[in-house]
C-alpha cells in the first residue's frame, strides 16, 4: 500500500476512535453528571436569607411560647384569626394533612392577626374544630405585641378593609424562615415534602 494512503487511513481511524470515546464519555448517564436536569429542592418559595427570629407570645391555654424554644425542630408558622371561615380553616386542614404525612412530630404555631376578636376561648374553639388539639398552639397578644411579629414576616393583619396575608412559613432548625407557601400554592404534599427536606438537613 502506498505510504500516503496508509497515513490517510490511519488518520481517519484515529478521528473515528476519538469520536467514539467522546460519545461514550459525554453521553453515558451512569455517573449521574451528564447534563443533569435542573431541580428545585423545595416545593414552596425559598425565603431570602435572614438571621434567626424570635418572639414570645401566650397560647390559647396561657402558656408562654417562644419561637426560640423550638430550635432544633423544623416548625410550621402561620397567621390566622379565629372567626375566619375561609382561608384559615383551609390552611389549618392543609397543615394537619402535612404533619400527619410526616408522622405528626412537627410544632405548629398560629399567630393571631385579629387581636381585638381573638381570645383564649375562641382560640381553643378554633383549634378543637380543626382537630389540632395538642398539635397547634394559637398565639395571642396585644396589637403592639403582635405588630412586631407581623413586621418581621411581612404579614398584613386582618382589618375591615383588608384580608390578612394567608401564608404558611417553614422555619428550619436554627430559627430561620426557609420556605413559604401562599394559600393558593399550599398543599399537604408540598408542605410535607419541604418539612422533610429540612428535617434531614
Foldseek 3Di string as FASTA:
>chain_A
DDPVVVVVVVVVVVVVVVVVVVCCVQVPCPVVPRPHDDDDQALFAWDPDDAFDWAWFAFLVRDIDMLLVQQQAKAKEWEDALVDDPLPLLVLLQQVLQCVVVVLPHAYEYEYLCQVPHHSVSRVVSCVVSVQVVRYTYGHDDPVRVVVVCVVVVWHGDDPVDHIFGKMFIAANNRITTGMDGSVSGGSVRVNSVSVSRNVD
